[in-house]
Amino acid sequence: MASSSKIEDHRRKWDRDEYERLAAQRIQEELEAHDRAHHKQPPVKRELLKQRDYRVDLESKLGKSIVITKNTPSSQTGGYYCNVCDCVVKDSINFLDHINGKKHQQNLGMSMRIERSSLDQVKRRFEVNKKKLEDKKKDYDLELRMKELKEEEEKMKEYRKEKKKERKRKLEEHDESEDSQRSELASIMGFSGFGGSKRK
């Protein structure tokens, strides 16, 4: 029996053109959404890197013993605690590396860029350093320092001589008053003396 009806394929047919159009449309929408997200948020303006205005404490816990339990807060455990990044670093070298590092500076709100100095700032810095050097030269002028030391020594010698003379004078006055008391006592008792010589 010859069948005149057409044999249909049981497989499902896909319209390739339709799906390529949908994929291109989806990609376009994602790109537009990405662009909108970046345009809405302005770039973060970070402060330029600047010098610390506090001293880093590395020695306060040196040589101290601490009992650490499970309930001990991380700021009191062994090592160096960074309260900006909420982390503990085990030794001082790594702690210094951490606080000078990019992550820590970003958490402080600073970029790793430094301010460019102007010509006037550089000139002023040179003047300040020059003044410091001149002050150091004045402080360490050897000849002047030696002269001052000699003057101080001479003053001390004179002061000691005066003190010695004063002590000697007081001793002589004390001896004279003691001798006069002895001679008085001897005359009252009828003696010419007690037989002793002057105290030396």
N, C-alpha and C. Protein backbone atom coordinates (compact mmCIF):
# COMPACT_ATOMS: atom_id res chain seq x y z
N MET A 1 0.84 -1.15 0.00
CA MET A 1 0.00 0.00 0.00
C MET A 1 0.90 1.23 0.00
N ALA A 2 0.79 1.97 -0.98
CA ALA A 2 1.61 3.15 -1.15
C ALA A 2 0.92 4.30 -0.47
N SER A 3 1.67 4.87 0.42
CA SER A 3 1.09 5.97 1.19
C SER A 3 1.49 7.26 0.55
N SER A 4 0.54 8.07 0.28
CA SER A 4 0.80 9.35 -0.35
C SER A 4 1.06 10.43 0.72
N SER A 5 0.81 10.12 1.98
CA SER A 5 1.03 11.14 3.03
C SER A 5 2.52 11.31 3.31
N LYS A 6 2.93 12.50 3.69
CA LYS A 6 4.32 12.87 3.93
C LYS A 6 4.73 12.36 5.30
N ILE A 7 5.94 11.80 5.42
CA ILE A 7 6.43 11.34 6.72
C ILE A 7 7.03 12.55 7.45
N GLU A 8 6.47 12.79 8.60
CA GLU A 8 6.95 13.94 9.38
C GLU A 8 8.07 13.51 10.29
N ASP A 9 9.08 14.43 10.43
CA ASP A 9 10.21 14.17 11.33
C ASP A 9 9.74 14.45 12.76
N HIS A 10 10.05 13.52 13.64
CA HIS A 10 9.60 13.68 15.03
C HIS A 10 10.49 14.63 15.85
N ARG A 11 11.63 15.05 15.31
CA ARG A 11 12.51 15.97 16.03
C ARG A 11 11.96 17.39 15.98
N ARG A 12 12.31 18.11 17.07
CA ARG A 12 11.86 19.49 17.17
C ARG A 12 12.81 20.39 16.38
N LYS A 13 12.30 21.33 15.71
CA LYS A 13 13.10 22.23 14.88
C LYS A 13 13.23 23.57 15.61
N TRP A 14 14.45 24.15 15.58
CA TRP A 14 14.72 25.45 16.22
C TRP A 14 14.95 26.50 15.16
N ASP A 15 14.44 27.66 15.46
CA ASP A 15 14.62 28.78 14.55
C ASP A 15 15.91 29.50 14.95
N ARG A 16 17.00 29.22 14.29
CA ARG A 16 18.31 29.76 14.64
C ARG A 16 18.35 31.28 14.57
N ASP A 17 17.75 31.84 13.61
CA ASP A 17 17.77 33.29 13.46
C ASP A 17 17.11 33.98 14.65
N GLU A 18 16.00 33.40 15.11
CA GLU A 18 15.26 33.97 16.24
C GLU A 18 16.13 33.96 17.50
N TYR A 19 16.79 32.82 17.77
CA TYR A 19 17.60 32.70 19.00
C TYR A 19 18.87 33.55 18.94
N GLU A 20 19.45 33.72 17.78
CA GLU A 20 20.61 34.60 17.64
C GLU A 20 20.21 36.05 17.91
N ARG A 21 19.02 36.42 17.44
CA ARG A 21 18.53 37.77 17.70
C ARG A 21 18.29 37.99 19.19
N LEU A 22 17.70 37.01 19.90
CA LEU A 22 17.45 37.11 21.34
C LEU A 22 18.78 37.20 22.13
N ALA A 23 19.78 36.41 21.73
CA ALA A 23 21.07 36.43 22.42
C ALA A 23 21.74 37.80 22.26
N ALA A 24 21.70 38.34 21.06
CA ALA A 24 22.30 39.65 20.81
C ALA A 24 21.58 40.73 21.62
N GLN A 25 20.26 40.61 21.72
CA GLN A 25 19.48 41.58 22.50
C GLN A 25 19.84 41.50 23.98
N ARG A 26 19.99 40.28 24.52
CA ARG A 26 20.35 40.09 25.92
C ARG A 26 21.75 40.67 26.21
N ILE A 27 22.70 40.43 25.34
CA ILE A 27 24.05 40.97 25.51
C ILE A 27 24.02 42.49 25.51
N GLN A 28 23.25 43.06 24.62
CA GLN A 28 23.13 44.53 24.54
C GLN A 28 22.55 45.09 25.83
N GLU A 29 21.52 44.44 26.39
CA GLU A 29 20.90 44.90 27.64
C GLU A 29 21.89 44.82 28.81
N GLU A 30 22.68 43.74 28.87
CA GLU A 30 23.67 43.60 29.94
C GLU A 30 24.72 44.70 29.85
N LEU A 31 25.16 45.02 28.66
CA LEU A 31 26.16 46.09 28.48
C LEU A 31 25.61 47.44 28.92
N GLU A 32 24.34 47.71 28.55
CA GLU A 32 23.71 48.96 28.94
C GLU A 32 23.55 49.06 30.45
N ALA A 33 23.15 47.95 31.10
CA ALA A 33 22.99 47.93 32.56
C ALA A 33 24.33 48.17 33.25
N HIS A 34 25.39 47.55 32.70
CA HIS A 34 26.73 47.70 33.26
C HIS A 34 27.19 49.17 33.16
N ASP A 35 26.93 49.79 32.01
CA ASP A 35 27.31 51.19 31.82
C ASP A 35 26.54 52.10 32.76
N ARG A 36 25.24 51.82 32.93
CA ARG A 36 24.42 52.64 33.84
C ARG A 36 24.94 52.52 35.27
N ALA A 37 25.31 51.33 35.71
CA ALA A 37 25.79 51.12 37.07
C ALA A 37 27.08 51.90 37.31
N HIS A 38 27.95 51.93 36.32
CA HIS A 38 29.21 52.65 36.49
C HIS A 38 29.03 54.16 36.42
N HIS A 39 28.05 54.63 35.69
CA HIS A 39 27.83 56.07 35.59
C HIS A 39 27.13 56.61 36.82
N LYS A 40 26.34 55.79 37.50
CA LYS A 40 25.62 56.25 38.68
C LYS A 40 26.57 56.51 39.84
N GLN A 41 27.56 55.65 40.04
CA GLN A 41 28.48 55.79 41.15
C GLN A 41 29.69 56.60 40.71
N PRO A 42 29.88 57.75 41.34
CA PRO A 42 31.07 58.53 40.98
C PRO A 42 32.31 57.83 41.52
N PRO A 43 33.44 58.02 40.89
CA PRO A 43 34.66 57.36 41.37
C PRO A 43 35.01 57.86 42.77
N VAL A 44 35.53 56.94 43.58
CA VAL A 44 35.87 57.27 44.97
C VAL A 44 37.10 58.17 44.98
N LYS A 45 36.96 59.34 45.59
CA LYS A 45 38.08 60.28 45.69
C LYS A 45 38.78 60.03 47.01
N ARG A 46 39.99 59.50 46.94
CA ARG A 46 40.74 59.20 48.15
C ARG A 46 41.74 60.31 48.44
N GLU A 47 42.04 60.45 49.72
CA GLU A 47 43.00 61.45 50.16
C GLU A 47 44.41 61.02 49.76
N LEU A 48 45.28 61.99 49.51
CA LEU A 48 46.66 61.67 49.17
C LEU A 48 47.39 61.13 50.40
N LEU A 49 48.37 60.30 50.17
CA LEU A 49 49.14 59.68 51.25
C LEU A 49 49.86 60.76 52.05
N LYS A 50 49.78 60.67 53.37
CA LYS A 50 50.46 61.66 54.21
C LYS A 50 51.15 60.97 55.39
N GLN A 51 52.01 61.72 56.04
CA GLN A 51 52.80 61.19 57.14
C GLN A 51 51.93 60.96 58.36
N ARG A 52 52.25 59.89 59.13
CA ARG A 52 51.49 59.61 60.35
C ARG A 52 51.73 60.72 61.36
N ASP A 53 50.67 61.10 62.09
CA ASP A 53 50.84 62.12 63.12
C ASP A 53 50.82 61.50 64.52
N TYR A 54 51.04 60.20 64.60
CA TYR A 54 51.11 59.52 65.89
C TYR A 54 52.30 58.56 65.86
N ARG A 55 52.73 58.16 67.04
CA ARG A 55 53.87 57.25 67.15
C ARG A 55 53.34 55.83 67.23
N VAL A 56 53.94 54.93 66.47
CA VAL A 56 53.51 53.53 66.47
C VAL A 56 54.08 52.86 67.71
N ASP A 57 53.19 52.28 68.52
CA ASP A 57 53.61 51.65 69.77
C ASP A 57 53.98 50.20 69.51
N LEU A 58 55.27 49.91 69.54
CA LEU A 58 55.74 48.54 69.31
C LEU A 58 56.29 47.91 70.58
N GLU A 59 56.51 48.70 71.63
CA GLU A 59 57.24 48.19 72.79
C GLU A 59 56.41 48.09 74.07
N SER A 60 55.15 48.49 74.06
CA SER A 60 54.38 48.50 75.31
C SER A 60 54.11 47.09 75.84
N LYS A 61 53.95 46.12 74.97
CA LYS A 61 53.65 44.75 75.40
C LYS A 61 54.90 43.87 75.42
N LEU A 62 56.06 44.47 75.17
CA LEU A 62 57.30 43.71 75.09
C LEU A 62 57.64 43.10 76.45
N GLY A 63 57.88 41.80 76.50
CA GLY A 63 58.29 41.11 77.72
C GLY A 63 57.15 40.83 78.69
N LYS A 64 55.91 41.04 78.30
CA LYS A 64 54.77 40.80 79.19
C LYS A 64 54.08 39.50 78.80
N SER A 65 53.57 38.80 79.78
CA SER A 65 52.83 37.55 79.55
C SER A 65 51.34 37.82 79.66
N ILE A 66 50.57 37.24 78.75
CA ILE A 66 49.12 37.42 78.75
C ILE A 66 48.46 36.05 78.62
N VAL A 67 47.44 35.81 79.44
CA VAL A 67 46.67 34.57 79.33
C VAL A 67 45.58 34.79 78.30
N ILE A 68 45.54 33.92 77.29
CA ILE A 68 44.58 34.06 76.21
C ILE A 68 43.62 32.88 76.24
N THR A 69 42.32 33.18 76.24
CA THR A 69 41.30 32.13 76.21
C THR A 69 40.50 32.26 74.92
N LYS A 70 39.49 31.38 74.77
CA LYS A 70 38.65 31.45 73.58
C LYS A 70 37.82 32.73 73.54
N ASN A 71 37.51 33.27 74.73
CA ASN A 71 36.65 34.45 74.82
C ASN A 71 37.43 35.76 74.79
N THR A 72 38.75 35.70 74.75
CA THR A 72 39.56 36.92 74.73
C THR A 72 39.33 37.66 73.42
N PRO A 73 39.03 38.98 73.50
CA PRO A 73 38.85 39.73 72.26
C PRO A 73 40.14 39.77 71.45
N SER A 74 40.01 39.88 70.14
CA SER A 74 41.18 39.81 69.26
C SER A 74 42.16 40.95 69.52
N SER A 75 41.68 42.07 70.08
CA SER A 75 42.58 43.18 70.35
C SER A 75 43.52 42.89 71.52
N GLN A 76 43.19 41.89 72.35
CA GLN A 76 44.01 41.57 73.52
C GLN A 76 44.76 40.26 73.37
N THR A 77 44.67 39.64 72.21
CA THR A 77 45.42 38.41 72.00
C THR A 77 46.87 38.74 71.69
N GLY A 78 47.70 37.73 71.57
CA GLY A 78 49.11 37.95 71.31
C GLY A 78 49.34 38.57 69.96
N GLY A 79 50.33 39.42 69.87
CA GLY A 79 50.65 40.06 68.60
C GLY A 79 50.21 41.51 68.59
N TYR A 80 50.22 42.09 67.42
CA TYR A 80 49.88 43.51 67.25
C TYR A 80 48.52 43.61 66.56
N TYR A 81 47.61 44.34 67.19
CA TYR A 81 46.24 44.45 66.68
C TYR A 81 46.08 45.74 65.90
N CYS A 82 45.50 45.64 64.71
CA CYS A 82 45.19 46.81 63.89
C CYS A 82 43.69 47.05 63.98
N ASN A 83 43.30 48.15 64.63
CA ASN A 83 41.86 48.41 64.81
C ASN A 83 41.20 48.93 63.54
N VAL A 84 41.98 49.41 62.59
CA VAL A 84 41.41 49.89 61.32
C VAL A 84 40.97 48.71 60.47
N CYS A 85 41.84 47.71 60.36
CA CYS A 85 41.55 46.54 59.52
C CYS A 85 40.98 45.37 60.33
N ASP A 86 40.94 45.49 61.66
CA ASP A 86 40.45 44.45 62.55
C ASP A 86 41.19 43.14 62.31
N CYS A 87 42.52 43.21 62.41
CA CYS A 87 43.32 42.00 62.25
C CYS A 87 44.48 42.01 63.25
N VAL A 88 45.03 40.83 63.49
CA VAL A 88 46.16 40.68 64.40
C VAL A 88 47.37 40.23 63.59
N VAL A 89 48.49 40.92 63.80
CA VAL A 89 49.74 40.58 63.12
C VAL A 89 50.71 40.10 64.20
N LYS A 90 51.44 39.02 63.91
CA LYS A 90 52.21 38.36 64.95
C LYS A 90 53.52 39.02 65.35
N ASP A 91 54.19 39.75 64.46
CA ASP A 91 55.45 40.39 64.87
C ASP A 91 55.53 41.83 64.38
N SER A 92 56.49 42.56 64.93
CA SER A 92 56.56 44.00 64.68
C SER A 92 56.91 44.33 63.23
N ILE A 93 57.76 43.55 62.60
CA ILE A 93 58.15 43.83 61.22
C ILE A 93 56.94 43.71 60.30
N ASN A 94 56.18 42.62 60.47
CA ASN A 94 54.99 42.44 59.64
C ASN A 94 53.92 43.49 59.96
N PHE A 95 53.87 43.93 61.22
CA PHE A 95 52.90 44.97 61.60
C PHE A 95 53.24 46.28 60.89
N LEU A 96 54.53 46.63 60.85
CA LEU A 96 54.94 47.84 60.15
C LEU A 96 54.66 47.72 58.66
N ASP A 97 54.92 46.53 58.10
CA ASP A 97 54.59 46.30 56.68
C ASP A 97 53.10 46.47 56.45
N HIS A 98 52.29 45.97 57.39
CA HIS A 98 50.84 46.05 57.25
C HIS A 98 50.36 47.50 57.27
N ILE A 99 50.80 48.29 58.27
CA ILE A 99 50.28 49.66 58.39
C ILE A 99 50.83 50.57 57.29
N ASN A 100 51.91 50.16 56.62
CA ASN A 100 52.40 50.93 55.48
C ASN A 100 51.86 50.39 54.16
N GLY A 101 51.08 49.32 54.22
CA GLY A 101 50.61 48.66 53.01
C GLY A 101 49.38 49.30 52.40
N LYS A 102 49.07 48.83 51.20
CA LYS A 102 47.98 49.41 50.40
C LYS A 102 46.61 49.18 51.04
N LYS A 103 46.36 47.98 51.54
CA LYS A 103 45.04 47.66 52.10
C LYS A 103 44.74 48.55 53.31
N HIS A 104 45.71 48.69 54.21
CA HIS A 104 45.53 49.51 55.40
C HIS A 104 45.30 50.97 55.03
N GLN A 105 46.08 51.48 54.09
CA GLN A 105 45.95 52.88 53.68
C GLN A 105 44.59 53.12 53.02
N GLN A 106 44.11 52.15 52.25
CA GLN A 106 42.78 52.30 51.64
C GLN A 106 41.69 52.28 52.69
N ASN A 107 41.85 51.45 53.73
CA ASN A 107 40.87 51.43 54.81
C ASN A 107 40.87 52.75 55.58
N LEU A 108 42.00 53.44 55.59
CA LEU A 108 42.07 54.77 56.22
C LEU A 108 41.49 55.85 55.31
N GLY A 109 41.23 55.50 54.05
CA GLY A 109 40.68 56.46 53.10
C GLY A 109 41.74 57.20 52.31
N MET A 110 42.91 56.59 52.18
CA MET A 110 44.00 57.23 51.45
C MET A 110 44.39 56.39 50.25
N SER A 111 44.83 57.06 49.21
CA SER A 111 45.38 56.34 48.07
C SER A 111 46.88 56.21 48.31
N MET A 112 47.56 55.46 47.49
CA MET A 112 49.00 55.28 47.67
C MET A 112 49.78 56.36 46.92
N ARG A 113 49.09 57.39 46.44
CA ARG A 113 49.77 58.47 45.74
C ARG A 113 50.14 59.56 46.74
N ILE A 114 51.26 60.20 46.47
CA ILE A 114 51.71 61.27 47.35
C ILE A 114 51.55 62.61 46.64
N GLU A 115 51.48 63.66 47.43
CA GLU A 115 51.30 64.99 46.87
C GLU A 115 52.60 65.44 46.20
N ARG A 116 52.47 65.99 45.02
CA ARG A 116 53.65 66.51 44.33
C ARG A 116 54.03 67.86 44.95
N SER A 117 55.30 67.98 45.29
CA SER A 117 55.77 69.21 45.92
C SER A 117 56.04 70.27 44.87
N SER A 118 55.74 71.50 45.24
CA SER A 118 56.02 72.62 44.34
C SER A 118 57.46 73.08 44.57
N LEU A 119 57.95 73.92 43.71
CA LEU A 119 59.32 74.43 43.82
C LEU A 119 59.51 75.22 45.11
N ASP A 120 58.49 76.01 45.49
CA ASP A 120 58.59 76.80 46.72
C ASP A 120 58.68 75.91 47.96
N GLN A 121 57.90 74.82 47.97
CA GLN A 121 57.95 73.89 49.11
C GLN A 121 59.33 73.25 49.23
N VAL A 122 59.92 72.88 48.10
CA VAL A 122 61.25 72.27 48.12
C VAL A 122 62.28 73.27 48.63
N LYS A 123 62.20 74.52 48.17
CA LYS A 123 63.14 75.55 48.63
C LYS A 123 63.02 75.78 50.14
N ARG A 124 61.76 75.84 50.62
CA ARG A 124 61.55 76.01 52.06
C ARG A 124 62.13 74.85 52.86
N ARG A 125 61.96 73.64 52.34
CA ARG A 125 62.49 72.46 53.02
C ARG A 125 64.01 72.51 53.09
N PHE A 126 64.64 72.95 52.00
CA PHE A 126 66.10 73.09 51.99
C PHE A 126 66.55 74.12 53.02
N GLU A 127 65.82 75.24 53.13
CA GLU A 127 66.18 76.26 54.10
C GLU A 127 66.08 75.73 55.53
N VAL A 128 65.00 74.98 55.81
CA VAL A 128 64.82 74.42 57.15
C VAL A 128 65.96 73.45 57.47
N ASN A 129 66.30 72.59 56.52
CA ASN A 129 67.39 71.63 56.75
C ASN A 129 68.72 72.34 56.92
N LYS A 130 68.93 73.42 56.19
CA LYS A 130 70.18 74.19 56.30
C LYS A 130 70.29 74.80 57.70
N LYS A 131 69.17 75.34 58.20
CA LYS A 131 69.17 75.92 59.55
C LYS A 131 69.47 74.86 60.59
N LYS A 132 68.90 73.66 60.42
CA LYS A 132 69.17 72.57 61.36
C LYS A 132 70.64 72.22 61.37
N LEU A 133 71.26 72.16 60.19
CA LEU A 133 72.68 71.85 60.10
C LEU A 133 73.52 72.93 60.79
N GLU A 134 73.16 74.20 60.59
CA GLU A 134 73.89 75.28 61.24
C GLU A 134 73.76 75.19 62.75
N ASP A 135 72.56 74.87 63.24
CA ASP A 135 72.36 74.72 64.68
C ASP A 135 73.22 73.58 65.23
N LYS A 136 73.29 72.48 64.48
CA LYS A 136 74.12 71.36 64.92
C LYS A 136 75.58 71.76 64.97
N LYS A 137 76.03 72.54 63.98
CA LYS A 137 77.42 72.99 63.97
C LYS A 137 77.69 73.85 65.19
N LYS A 138 76.74 74.71 65.53
CA LYS A 138 76.91 75.55 66.71
C LYS A 138 76.99 74.68 67.96
N ASP A 139 76.15 73.67 68.03
CA ASP A 139 76.14 72.80 69.20
C ASP A 139 77.44 72.01 69.33
N TYR A 140 77.99 71.61 68.20
CA TYR A 140 79.16 70.74 68.25
C TYR A 140 80.44 71.46 67.85
N ASP A 141 80.49 72.77 68.02
CA ASP A 141 81.72 73.49 67.77
C ASP A 141 82.69 73.12 68.88
N LEU A 142 83.68 72.31 68.56
CA LEU A 142 84.57 71.69 69.54
C LEU A 142 85.37 72.71 70.33
N GLU A 143 85.96 73.67 69.66
CA GLU A 143 86.80 74.64 70.36
C GLU A 143 85.98 75.45 71.35
N LEU A 144 84.82 75.90 70.92
CA LEU A 144 83.96 76.68 71.81
C LEU A 144 83.55 75.84 73.01
N ARG A 145 83.23 74.59 72.76
CA ARG A 145 82.82 73.70 73.84
C ARG A 145 83.96 73.47 74.83
N MET A 146 85.17 73.29 74.33
CA MET A 146 86.32 73.09 75.21
C MET A 146 86.57 74.34 76.07
N LYS A 147 86.44 75.51 75.45
CA LYS A 147 86.63 76.76 76.18
C LYS A 147 85.60 76.88 77.31
N GLU A 148 84.35 76.56 76.99
CA GLU A 148 83.29 76.61 78.01
C GLU A 148 83.57 75.64 79.15
N LEU A 149 84.06 74.43 78.80
CA LEU A 149 84.37 73.45 79.84
C LEU A 149 85.49 73.94 80.75
N LYS A 150 86.52 74.56 80.17
CA LYS A 150 87.62 75.09 80.99
C LYS A 150 87.12 76.17 81.93
N GLU A 151 86.26 77.05 81.42
CA GLU A 151 85.70 78.11 82.28
C GLU A 151 84.90 77.51 83.42
N GLU A 152 84.11 76.49 83.12
CA GLU A 152 83.33 75.82 84.16
C GLU A 152 84.24 75.19 85.21
N GLU A 153 85.32 74.56 84.76
CA GLU A 153 86.27 73.94 85.70
C GLU A 153 86.91 74.98 86.60
N GLU A 154 87.31 76.11 86.02
CA GLU A 154 87.92 77.18 86.82
C GLU A 154 86.94 77.71 87.86
N LYS A 155 85.68 77.89 87.46
CA LYS A 155 84.67 78.36 88.41
C LYS A 155 84.49 77.36 89.55
N MET A 156 84.48 76.06 89.19
CA MET A 156 84.33 75.03 90.23
C MET A 156 85.52 75.04 91.18
N LYS A 157 86.74 75.23 90.65
CA LYS A 157 87.94 75.28 91.50
C LYS A 157 87.86 76.45 92.47
N GLU A 158 87.47 77.62 91.95
CA GLU A 158 87.33 78.79 92.81
C GLU A 158 86.28 78.56 93.89
N TYR A 159 85.16 77.96 93.48
CA TYR A 159 84.09 77.67 94.44
C TYR A 159 84.58 76.73 95.54
N ARG A 160 85.33 75.70 95.16
CA ARG A 160 85.86 74.75 96.15
C ARG A 160 86.85 75.43 97.09
N LYS A 161 87.72 76.32 96.52
CA LYS A 161 88.69 77.04 97.36
C LYS A 161 87.97 77.89 98.39
N GLU A 162 86.95 78.61 97.94
CA GLU A 162 86.18 79.46 98.86
C GLU A 162 85.55 78.63 99.96
N LYS A 163 84.97 77.48 99.58
CA LYS A 163 84.33 76.60 100.57
C LYS A 163 85.36 76.11 101.60
N LYS A 164 86.55 75.75 101.10
CA LYS A 164 87.61 75.25 101.97
C LYS A 164 88.07 76.34 102.95
N LYS A 165 88.24 77.57 102.43
CA LYS A 165 88.64 78.69 103.29
C LYS A 165 87.59 78.95 104.35
N GLU A 166 86.32 78.90 103.95
CA GLU A 166 85.23 79.15 104.89
C GLU A 166 85.21 78.10 106.00
N ARG A 167 85.39 76.81 105.61
CA ARG A 167 85.43 75.74 106.60
C ARG A 167 86.59 75.94 107.58
N LYS A 168 87.75 76.31 107.04
CA LYS A 168 88.95 76.52 107.87
C LYS A 168 88.72 77.67 108.85
N ARG A 169 88.12 78.77 108.37
CA ARG A 169 87.84 79.91 109.22
C ARG A 169 86.87 79.54 110.35
N LYS A 170 85.85 78.77 110.00
CA LYS A 170 84.88 78.33 111.02
C LYS A 170 85.54 77.45 112.06
N LEU A 171 86.44 76.55 111.61
CA LEU A 171 87.16 75.68 112.56
C LEU A 171 88.04 76.50 113.50
N GLU A 172 88.74 77.51 112.96
CA GLU A 172 89.60 78.36 113.80
C GLU A 172 88.78 79.13 114.82
N GLU A 173 87.63 79.67 114.39
CA GLU A 173 86.76 80.39 115.32
C GLU A 173 86.27 79.45 116.42
N HIS A 174 85.91 78.24 116.02
CA HIS A 174 85.43 77.25 116.99
C HIS A 174 86.54 76.89 117.98
N ASP A 175 87.79 76.70 117.48
CA ASP A 175 88.93 76.37 118.35
C ASP A 175 89.23 77.51 119.31
N GLU A 176 89.18 78.77 118.84
CA GLU A 176 89.44 79.93 119.69
C GLU A 176 88.41 80.03 120.80
N SER A 177 87.15 79.81 120.45
CA SER A 177 86.10 79.90 121.48
C SER A 177 86.27 78.77 122.50
N GLU A 178 86.68 77.60 122.03
CA GLU A 178 86.89 76.46 122.93
C GLU A 178 88.09 76.73 123.85
N ASP A 179 89.17 77.31 123.31
CA ASP A 179 90.36 77.64 124.11
C ASP A 179 90.03 78.67 125.18
N SER A 180 89.25 79.68 124.81
CA SER A 180 88.89 80.70 125.79
C SER A 180 88.05 80.09 126.91
N GLN A 181 87.18 79.15 126.57
CA GLN A 181 86.37 78.48 127.60
C GLN A 181 87.26 77.65 128.52
N ARG A 182 88.26 76.98 127.97
CA ARG A 182 89.19 76.16 128.78
C ARG A 182 90.01 77.04 129.73
N SER A 183 90.54 78.15 129.20
CA SER A 183 91.36 79.01 130.07
C SER A 183 90.52 79.61 131.19
N GLU A 184 89.26 79.93 130.89
CA GLU A 184 88.35 80.45 131.92
C GLU A 184 88.13 79.42 133.00
N LEU A 185 87.87 78.19 132.57
CA LEU A 185 87.62 77.09 133.50
C LEU A 185 88.87 76.82 134.35
N ALA A 186 90.03 76.88 133.72
CA ALA A 186 91.28 76.63 134.45
C ALA A 186 91.53 77.72 135.47
N SER A 187 91.26 78.96 135.15
CA SER A 187 91.50 80.05 136.11
C SER A 187 90.52 79.97 137.27
N ILE A 188 89.29 79.53 137.01
CA ILE A 188 88.31 79.38 138.08
C ILE A 188 88.76 78.29 139.04
N MET A 189 89.28 77.20 138.49
CA MET A 189 89.67 76.06 139.31
C MET A 189 91.06 76.26 139.93
N GLY A 190 91.79 77.24 139.46
CA GLY A 190 93.09 77.53 140.02
C GLY A 190 94.22 76.84 139.30
N PHE A 191 94.01 76.37 138.15
CA PHE A 191 95.06 75.74 137.36
C PHE A 191 95.59 76.72 136.33
N SER A 192 96.78 76.43 135.90
CA SER A 192 97.29 77.26 134.79
C SER A 192 96.94 76.67 133.46
N GLY A 193 96.54 75.42 133.46
CA GLY A 193 96.11 74.76 132.23
C GLY A 193 95.84 73.28 132.49
N PHE A 194 95.30 72.63 131.57
CA PHE A 194 94.98 71.20 131.73
C PHE A 194 96.10 70.33 131.23
N GLY A 195 97.15 70.87 130.75
CA GLY A 195 98.30 70.11 130.27
C GLY A 195 98.21 69.66 128.84
N GLY A 196 97.19 69.98 128.18
CA GLY A 196 97.06 69.59 126.76
C GLY A 196 97.49 70.71 125.86
N SER A 197 97.92 70.38 124.71
CA SER A 197 98.27 71.41 123.74
C SER A 197 97.04 71.70 122.85
N LYS A 198 97.23 72.65 121.98
CA LYS A 198 96.13 73.01 121.07
C LYS A 198 95.73 71.83 120.20
N ARG A 199 94.44 71.75 119.90
CA ARG A 199 93.97 70.69 118.99
C ARG A 199 94.44 70.98 117.59
N LYS A 200 94.90 69.97 116.96
CA LYS A 200 95.36 70.15 115.60
C LYS A 200 94.32 69.70 114.63
